C-alpha cells in the first residue's frame, strides 16, 4: 500500500503506507507540484504549475543477479 504526495517544493513522493518511509522521490520539475492521483495500482499521474503532466508506472524489477543494481521503483512513461 502506497500514498502519493505532491508539494510546493517541486517534488512528488511515494510513501509506504505501512512504515511511513519514502519509497521514491521525484524532484526534476522547476515549479510546484499541484496534484497527483493513482490511475491503478501500478500507474499514477502528476501535474505541475509549469503546465506539465507526467504519467508514471511501476518499473519491472531485475532479478538478484548479484550486480547490485535495480531500476527505479516507478518510471515516467509520458
PDB file of N, CA and C in Angstrom:
ATOM      1  N   UNK A   1       0.833  -1.185   0.000  1.00  0.00           N
ATOM      2  CA  UNK A   1       0.000   0.000   0.000  1.00  0.00           C
ATOM      3  C   UNK A   1       0.873   1.242   0.000  1.00  0.00           C
ATOM      4  N   UNK A   2       0.553   2.168  -0.894  1.00  0.00           N
ATOM      5  CA  UNK A   2       1.349   3.378  -1.040  1.00  0.00           C
ATOM      6  C   UNK A   2       0.469   4.618  -0.982  1.00  0.00           C
ATOM      7  N   UNK A   3       1.081   5.724  -0.577  1.00  0.00           N
ATOM      8  CA  UNK A   3       0.429   7.030  -0.545  1.00  0.00           C
ATOM      9  C   UNK A   3       1.255   7.971  -1.413  1.00  0.00           C
ATOM     10  N   UNK A   4       0.585   8.775  -2.223  1.00  0.00           N
ATOM     11  CA  UNK A   4       1.249   9.780  -3.054  1.00  0.00           C
ATOM     12  C   UNK A   4       1.129  11.147  -2.406  1.00  0.00           C
ATOM     13  N   UNK A   5       2.157  11.965  -2.565  1.00  0.00           N
ATOM     14  CA  UNK A   5       2.058  13.362  -2.135  1.00  0.00           C
ATOM     15  C   UNK A   5       2.673  14.262  -3.201  1.00  0.00           C
ATOM     16  N   UNK A   6       2.109  15.456  -3.330  1.00  0.00           N
ATOM     17  CA  UNK A   6       2.627  16.489  -4.230  1.00  0.00           C
ATOM     18  C   UNK A   6       2.871  17.722  -3.379  1.00  0.00           C
ATOM     19  N   UNK A   7       3.956  18.459  -3.659  1.00  0.00           N
ATOM     20  CA  UNK A   7       4.319  19.551  -2.765  1.00  0.00           C
ATOM     21  C   UNK A   7       4.805  20.775  -3.535  1.00  0.00           C
ATOM     22  N   UNK A   8       4.730  21.925  -2.867  1.00  0.00           N
ATOM     23  CA  UNK A   8       5.221  23.165  -3.453  1.00  0.00           C
ATOM     24  C   UNK A   8       6.748  23.177  -3.556  1.00  0.00           C
ATOM     25  N   UNK A   9       7.418  22.225  -2.918  1.00  0.00           N
ATOM     26  CA  UNK A   9       8.882  22.148  -3.045  1.00  0.00           C
ATOM     27  C   UNK A   9       9.302  21.457  -4.349  1.00  0.00           C
ATOM     28  N   UNK A  10       8.328  21.270  -5.269  1.00  0.00           N
ATOM     29  CA  UNK A  10       8.555  20.716  -6.608  1.00  0.00           C
ATOM     30  C   UNK A  10       8.779  19.210  -6.604  1.00  0.00           C
ATOM     31  N   UNK A  11       8.311  18.514  -5.582  1.00  0.00           N
ATOM     32  CA  UNK A  11       8.510  17.069  -5.512  1.00  0.00           C
ATOM     33  C   UNK A  11       7.184  16.327  -5.484  1.00  0.00           C
ATOM     34  N   UNK A  12       7.256  15.101  -5.958  1.00  0.00           N
ATOM     35  CA  UNK A  12       6.207  14.112  -5.792  1.00  0.00           C
ATOM     36  C   UNK A  12       6.867  12.946  -5.067  1.00  0.00           C
ATOM     37  N   UNK A  13       6.196  12.415  -4.059  1.00  0.00           N
ATOM     38  CA  UNK A  13       6.790  11.342  -3.265  1.00  0.00           C
ATOM     39  C   UNK A  13       5.812  10.183  -3.148  1.00  0.00           C
ATOM     40  N   UNK A  14       6.349   8.967  -3.271  1.00  0.00           N
ATOM     41  CA  UNK A  14       5.598   7.751  -2.980  1.00  0.00           C
ATOM     42  C   UNK A  14       6.024   7.290  -1.594  1.00  0.00           C
ATOM     43  N   UNK A  15       5.043   7.154  -0.695  1.00  0.00           N
ATOM     44  CA  UNK A  15       5.282   6.741   0.686  1.00  0.00           C
ATOM     45  C   UNK A  15       4.764   5.330   0.907  1.00  0.00           C
ATOM     46  N   UNK A  16       5.461   4.563   1.708  1.00  0.00           N
ATOM     47  CA  UNK A  16       4.972   3.261   2.152  1.00  0.00           C
ATOM     48  C   UNK A  16       3.921   3.529   3.229  1.00  0.00           C
ATOM     49  N   UNK A  17       2.682   3.122   2.984  1.00  0.00           N
ATOM     50  CA  UNK A  17       1.596   3.423   3.920  1.00  0.00           C
ATOM     51  C   UNK A  17       1.750   2.688   5.247  1.00  0.00           C
ATOM     52  N   UNK A  18       2.447   1.569   5.249  1.00  0.00           N
ATOM     53  CA  UNK A  18       2.609   0.797   6.482  1.00  0.00           C
ATOM     54  C   UNK A  18       3.732   1.333   7.356  1.00  0.00           C
ATOM     55  N   UNK A  19       4.866   1.649   6.743  1.00  0.00           N
ATOM     56  CA  UNK A  19       6.033   2.077   7.527  1.00  0.00           C
ATOM     57  C   UNK A  19       6.167   3.597   7.622  1.00  0.00           C
ATOM     58  N   UNK A  20       5.553   4.326   6.674  1.00  0.00           N
ATOM     59  CA  UNK A  20       5.707   5.774   6.633  1.00  0.00           C
ATOM     60  C   UNK A  20       6.992   6.235   5.973  1.00  0.00           C
ATOM     61  N   UNK A  21       7.774   5.303   5.443  1.00  0.00           N
ATOM     62  CA  UNK A  21       9.044   5.646   4.802  1.00  0.00           C
ATOM     63  C   UNK A  21       8.834   6.056   3.346  1.00  0.00           C
ATOM     64  N   UNK A  22       9.697   6.927   2.889  1.00  0.00           N
ATOM     65  CA  UNK A  22       9.706   7.349   1.487  1.00  0.00           C
ATOM     66  C   UNK A  22      10.219   6.196   0.634  1.00  0.00           C
ATOM     67  N   UNK A  23       9.441   5.804  -0.381  1.00  0.00           N
ATOM     68  CA  UNK A  23       9.862   4.746  -1.298  1.00  0.00           C
ATOM     69  C   UNK A  23      10.603   5.323  -2.500  1.00  0.00           C
ATOM     70  N   UNK A  24      10.118   6.457  -2.997  1.00  0.00           N
ATOM     71  CA  UNK A  24      10.763   7.098  -4.141  1.00  0.00           C
ATOM     72  C   UNK A  24      10.343   8.564  -4.185  1.00  0.00           C
ATOM     73  N   UNK A  25      11.300   9.428  -4.514  1.00  0.00           N
ATOM     74  CA  UNK A  25      11.034  10.862  -4.622  1.00  0.00           C
ATOM     75  C   UNK A  25      11.391  11.327  -6.022  1.00  0.00           C
ATOM     76  N   UNK A  26      10.516  12.142  -6.618  1.00  0.00           N
ATOM     77  CA  UNK A  26      10.720  12.703  -7.947  1.00  0.00           C
ATOM     78  C   UNK A  26      10.876  14.207  -7.780  1.00  0.00           C
ATOM     79  N   UNK A  27      12.000  14.761  -8.232  1.00  0.00           N
ATOM     80  CA  UNK A  27      12.246  16.194  -7.989  1.00  0.00           C
ATOM     81  C   UNK A  27      12.928  16.868  -9.172  1.00  0.00           C
ATOM     82  N   UNK A  28      12.424  16.623 -10.364  1.00  0.00           N
ATOM     83  CA  UNK A  28      13.067  17.204 -11.545  1.00  0.00           C
ATOM     84  C   UNK A  28      12.318  18.400 -12.111  1.00  0.00           C
ATOM     85  N   UNK A  29      11.230  18.825 -11.487  1.00  0.00           N
ATOM     86  CA  UNK A  29      10.472  19.960 -12.001  1.00  0.00           C
ATOM     87  C   UNK A  29      11.017  21.277 -11.475  1.00  0.00           C
ATOM     88  N   UNK A  30      10.662  22.351 -12.162  1.00  0.00           N
ATOM     89  CA  UNK A  30      11.118  23.686 -11.762  1.00  0.00           C
ATOM     90  C   UNK A  30      10.008  24.504 -11.117  1.00  0.00           C
ATOM     91  N   UNK A  31       8.804  23.927 -11.045  1.00  0.00           N
ATOM     92  CA  UNK A  31       7.663  24.616 -10.438  1.00  0.00           C
ATOM     93  C   UNK A  31       6.970  23.674  -9.455  1.00  0.00           C
ATOM     94  N   UNK A  32       6.107  24.205  -8.579  1.00  0.00           N
ATOM     95  CA  UNK A  32       5.443  23.370  -7.582  1.00  0.00           C
ATOM     96  C   UNK A  32       4.552  22.290  -8.193  1.00  0.00           C
ATOM     97  N   UNK A  33       4.501  21.164  -7.507  1.00  0.00           N
ATOM     98  CA  UNK A  33       3.567  20.101  -7.866  1.00  0.00           C
ATOM     99  C   UNK A  33       2.176  20.516  -7.408  1.00  0.00           C
ATOM    100  N   UNK A  34       1.186  20.322  -8.267  1.00  0.00           N
ATOM    101  CA  UNK A  34      -0.174  20.720  -7.931  1.00  0.00           C
ATOM    102  C   UNK A  34      -1.037  19.554  -7.485  1.00  0.00           C
ATOM    103  N   UNK A  35      -0.852  18.383  -8.112  1.00  0.00           N
ATOM    104  CA  UNK A  35      -1.725  17.257  -7.796  1.00  0.00           C
ATOM    105  C   UNK A  35      -1.093  15.961  -8.277  1.00  0.00           C
ATOM    106  N   UNK A  36      -1.433  14.883  -7.610  1.00  0.00           N
ATOM    107  CA  UNK A  36      -1.082  13.531  -8.039  1.00  0.00           C
ATOM    108  C   UNK A  36      -2.292  12.647  -7.785  1.00  0.00           C
ATOM    109  N   UNK A  37      -2.446  11.613  -8.600  1.00  0.00           N
ATOM    110  CA  UNK A  37      -3.560  10.695  -8.395  1.00  0.00           C
ATOM    111  C   UNK A  37      -3.235   9.347  -9.018  1.00  0.00           C
ATOM    112  N   UNK A  38      -3.644   8.294  -8.333  1.00  0.00           N
ATOM    113  CA  UNK A  38      -3.469   6.941  -8.856  1.00  0.00           C
ATOM    114  C   UNK A  38      -4.463   6.694  -9.977  1.00  0.00           C
ATOM    115  N   UNK A  39      -4.025   6.049 -11.049  1.00  0.00           N
ATOM    116  CA  UNK A  39      -4.909   5.579 -12.106  1.00  0.00           C
ATOM    117  C   UNK A  39      -5.219   4.108 -11.865  1.00  0.00           C
ATOM    118  N   UNK A  40      -4.242   3.376 -11.339  1.00  0.00           N
ATOM    119  CA  UNK A  40      -4.379   1.962 -10.999  1.00  0.00           C
ATOM    120  C   UNK A  40      -3.368   1.663  -9.896  1.00  0.00           C
ATOM    121  N   UNK A  41      -3.213   0.403  -9.545  1.00  0.00           N
ATOM    122  CA  UNK A  41      -2.230   0.030  -8.524  1.00  0.00           C
ATOM    123  C   UNK A  41      -0.797   0.254  -8.982  1.00  0.00           C
ATOM    124  N   UNK A  42      -0.586   0.375 -10.288  1.00  0.00           N
ATOM    125  CA  UNK A  42       0.778   0.487 -10.813  1.00  0.00           C
ATOM    126  C   UNK A  42       1.027   1.745 -11.637  1.00  0.00           C
ATOM    127  N   UNK A  43       0.036   2.627 -11.766  1.00  0.00           N
ATOM    128  CA  UNK A  43       0.178   3.820 -12.604  1.00  0.00           C
ATOM    129  C   UNK A  43      -0.421   5.037 -11.896  1.00  0.00           C
ATOM    130  N   UNK A  44       0.286   6.176 -11.991  1.00  0.00           N
ATOM    131  CA  UNK A  44      -0.255   7.420 -11.448  1.00  0.00           C
ATOM    132  C   UNK A  44       0.147   8.582 -12.338  1.00  0.00           C
ATOM    133  N   UNK A  45      -0.539   9.708 -12.153  1.00  0.00           N
ATOM    134  CA  UNK A  45      -0.255  10.931 -12.904  1.00  0.00           C
ATOM    135  C   UNK A  45       0.120  12.034 -11.925  1.00  0.00           C
ATOM    136  N   UNK A  46       1.006  12.928 -12.371  1.00  0.00           N
ATOM    137  CA  UNK A  46       1.372  14.105 -11.583  1.00  0.00           C
ATOM    138  C   UNK A  46       1.298  15.325 -12.492  1.00  0.00           C
ATOM    139  N   UNK A  47       0.809  16.440 -11.941  1.00  0.00           N
ATOM    140  CA  UNK A  47       0.761  17.674 -12.721  1.00  0.00           C
ATOM    141  C   UNK A  47       1.417  18.790 -11.917  1.00  0.00           C
ATOM    142  N   UNK A  48       1.974  19.755 -12.652  1.00  0.00           N
ATOM    143  CA  UNK A  48       2.785  20.799 -12.044  1.00  0.00           C
ATOM    144  C   UNK A  48       2.368  22.165 -12.550  1.00  0.00           C
ATOM    145  N   UNK A  49       2.771  23.188 -11.822  1.00  0.00           N
ATOM    146  CA  UNK A  49       2.430  24.570 -12.147  1.00  0.00           C
ATOM    147  C   UNK A  49       2.983  24.993 -13.508  1.00  0.00           C
ATOM    148  N   UNK A  50       4.023  24.301 -13.995  1.00  0.00           N
ATOM    149  CA  UNK A  50       4.588  24.627 -15.308  1.00  0.00           C
ATOM    150  C   UNK A  50       3.766  24.041 -16.456  1.00  0.00           C
ATOM    151  N   UNK A  51       2.547  23.578 -16.141  1.00  0.00           N
ATOM    152  CA  UNK A  51       1.585  23.054 -17.113  1.00  0.00           C
ATOM    153  C   UNK A  51       2.023  21.730 -17.712  1.00  0.00           C
ATOM    154  N   UNK A  52       2.820  20.953 -16.985  1.00  0.00           N
ATOM    155  CA  UNK A  52       3.205  19.631 -17.457  1.00  0.00           C
ATOM    156  C   UNK A  52       2.425  18.566 -16.704  1.00  0.00           C
ATOM    157  N   UNK A  53       2.196  17.471 -17.399  1.00  0.00           N
ATOM    158  CA  UNK A  53       1.547  16.297 -16.840  1.00  0.00           C
ATOM    159  C   UNK A  53       2.468  15.120 -17.099  1.00  0.00           C
ATOM    160  N   UNK A  54       2.732  14.345 -16.082  1.00  0.00           N
ATOM    161  CA  UNK A  54       3.568  13.161 -16.232  1.00  0.00           C
ATOM    162  C   UNK A  54       2.770  11.930 -15.837  1.00  0.00           C
ATOM    163  N   UNK A  55       2.957  10.861 -16.597  1.00  0.00           N
ATOM    164  CA  UNK A  55       2.346   9.577 -16.288  1.00  0.00           C
ATOM    165  C   UNK A  55       3.476   8.639 -15.876  1.00  0.00           C
ATOM    166  N   UNK A  56       3.286   7.936 -14.771  1.00  0.00           N
ATOM    167  CA  UNK A  56       4.307   7.053 -14.212  1.00  0.00           C
ATOM    168  C   UNK A  56       3.735   5.650 -14.085  1.00  0.00           C
ATOM    169  N   UNK A  57       4.595   4.646 -14.300  1.00  0.00           N
ATOM    170  CA  UNK A  57       4.156   3.293 -13.991  1.00  0.00           C
ATOM    171  C   UNK A  57       5.273   2.537 -13.302  1.00  0.00           C
ATOM    172  N   UNK A  58       4.893   1.441 -12.681  1.00  0.00           N
ATOM    173  CA  UNK A  58       5.851   0.665 -11.917  1.00  0.00           C
ATOM    174  C   UNK A  58       6.805  -0.041 -12.864  1.00  0.00           C
ATOM    175  N   UNK A  59       8.087   0.152 -12.629  1.00  0.00           N
ATOM    176  CA  UNK A  59       9.121  -0.459 -13.462  1.00  0.00           C
ATOM    177  C   UNK A  59       9.286  -1.923 -13.081  1.00  0.00           C
ATOM    178  N   UNK A  60       9.606  -2.767 -14.059  1.00  0.00           N
ATOM    179  CA  UNK A  60       9.896  -4.163 -13.716  1.00  0.00           C
ATOM    180  C   UNK A  60      11.155  -4.237 -12.871  1.00  0.00           C
ATOM    181  N   UNK A  61      11.192  -5.167 -11.952  1.00  0.00           N
ATOM    182  CA  UNK A  61      12.349  -5.333 -11.079  1.00  0.00           C
ATOM    183  C   UNK A  61      13.293  -6.357 -11.684  1.00  0.00           C
ATOM    184  N   UNK A  62      14.586  -6.089 -11.556  1.00  0.00           N
ATOM    185  CA  UNK A  62      15.598  -7.031 -12.020  1.00  0.00           C
ATOM    186  C   UNK A  62      15.743  -8.145 -11.000  1.00  0.00           C
ATOM    187  N   UNK A  63      16.091  -9.313 -11.492  1.00  0.00           N
ATOM    188  CA  UNK A  63      16.382 -10.422 -10.588  1.00  0.00           C
ATOM    189  C   UNK A  63      17.657 -10.153  -9.825  1.00  0.00           C
ATOM    190  N   UNK A  64      17.837 -10.849  -8.740  1.00  0.00           N
ATOM    191  CA  UNK A  64      19.010 -10.656  -7.891  1.00  0.00           C
ATOM    192  C   UNK A  64      20.238 -11.317  -8.467  1.00  0.00           C
ATOM    193  N   UNK A  65      20.728 -10.832  -9.578  1.00  0.00           N
ATOM    194  CA  UNK A  65      21.873 -11.422 -10.238  1.00  0.00           C
ATOM    195  C   UNK A  65      23.199 -11.078  -9.591  1.00  0.00           C
ATOM    196  N   UNK A  66      23.189 -10.402  -8.471  1.00  0.00           N
ATOM    197  CA  UNK A  66      24.431 -10.078  -7.791  1.00  0.00           C
ATOM    198  C   UNK A  66      25.093  -8.812  -8.287  1.00  0.00           C
ATOM    199  N   UNK A  67      24.489  -8.152  -9.276  1.00  0.00           N
ATOM    200  CA  UNK A  67      25.085  -6.944  -9.819  1.00  0.00           C
ATOM    201  C   UNK A  67      24.891  -5.721  -8.943  1.00  0.00           C
ATOM    202  N   UNK A  68      23.977  -5.807  -7.988  1.00  0.00           N
ATOM    203  CA  UNK A  68      23.769  -4.699  -7.078  1.00  0.00           C
ATOM    204  C   UNK A  68      22.987  -3.535  -7.661  1.00  0.00           C
ATOM    205  N   UNK A  69      22.403  -3.690  -8.838  1.00  0.00           N
ATOM    206  CA  UNK A  69      21.664  -2.602  -9.473  1.00  0.00           C
ATOM    207  C   UNK A  69      20.215  -3.014  -9.627  1.00  0.00           C
ATOM    208  N   UNK A  70      19.302  -2.094  -9.400  1.00  0.00           N
ATOM    209  CA  UNK A  70      17.896  -2.320  -9.704  1.00  0.00           C
ATOM    210  C   UNK A  70      17.343  -1.028 -10.287  1.00  0.00           C
ATOM    211  N   UNK A  71      16.364  -1.135 -11.185  1.00  0.00           N
ATOM    212  CA  UNK A  71      15.810   0.062 -11.820  1.00  0.00           C
ATOM    213  C   UNK A  71      14.995   0.868 -10.819  1.00  0.00           C
ATOM    214  N   UNK A  72      14.611   2.083 -11.187  1.00  0.00           N
ATOM    215  CA  UNK A  72      13.738   2.866 -10.316  1.00  0.00           C
ATOM    216  C   UNK A  72      12.448   2.100 -10.036  1.00  0.00           C
ATOM    217  N   UNK A  73      11.877   2.351  -8.892  1.00  0.00           N
ATOM    218  CA  UNK A  73      10.628   1.714  -8.493  1.00  0.00           C
ATOM    219  C   UNK A  73       9.518   2.090  -9.472  1.00  0.00           C
ATOM    220  N   UNK A  74       9.385   3.387  -9.752  1.00  0.00           N
ATOM    221  CA  UNK A  74       8.460   3.881 -10.768  1.00  0.00           C
ATOM    222  C   UNK A  74       9.253   4.659 -11.805  1.00  0.00           C
ATOM    223  N   UNK A  75       8.795   4.630 -13.045  1.00  0.00           N
ATOM    224  CA  UNK A  75       9.470   5.369 -14.120  1.00  0.00           C
ATOM    225  C   UNK A  75       8.431   6.190 -14.880  1.00  0.00           C
ATOM    226  N   UNK A  76       8.887   7.294 -15.443  1.00  0.00           N
ATOM    227  CA  UNK A  76       7.994   8.162 -16.215  1.00  0.00           C
ATOM    228  C   UNK A  76       7.784   7.543 -17.584  1.00  0.00           C
ATOM    229  N   UNK A  77       6.516   7.457 -18.012  1.00  0.00           N
ATOM    230  CA  UNK A  77       6.220   6.914 -19.337  1.00  0.00           C
ATOM    231  C   UNK A  77       5.642   7.966 -20.268  1.00  0.00           C
ATOM    232  N   UNK A  78       5.314   9.148 -19.739  1.00  0.00           N
ATOM    233  CA  UNK A  78       4.811  10.234 -20.582  1.00  0.00           C
ATOM    234  C   UNK A  78       5.114  11.541 -19.929  1.00  0.00           C
TER     235      UNK A  78
END
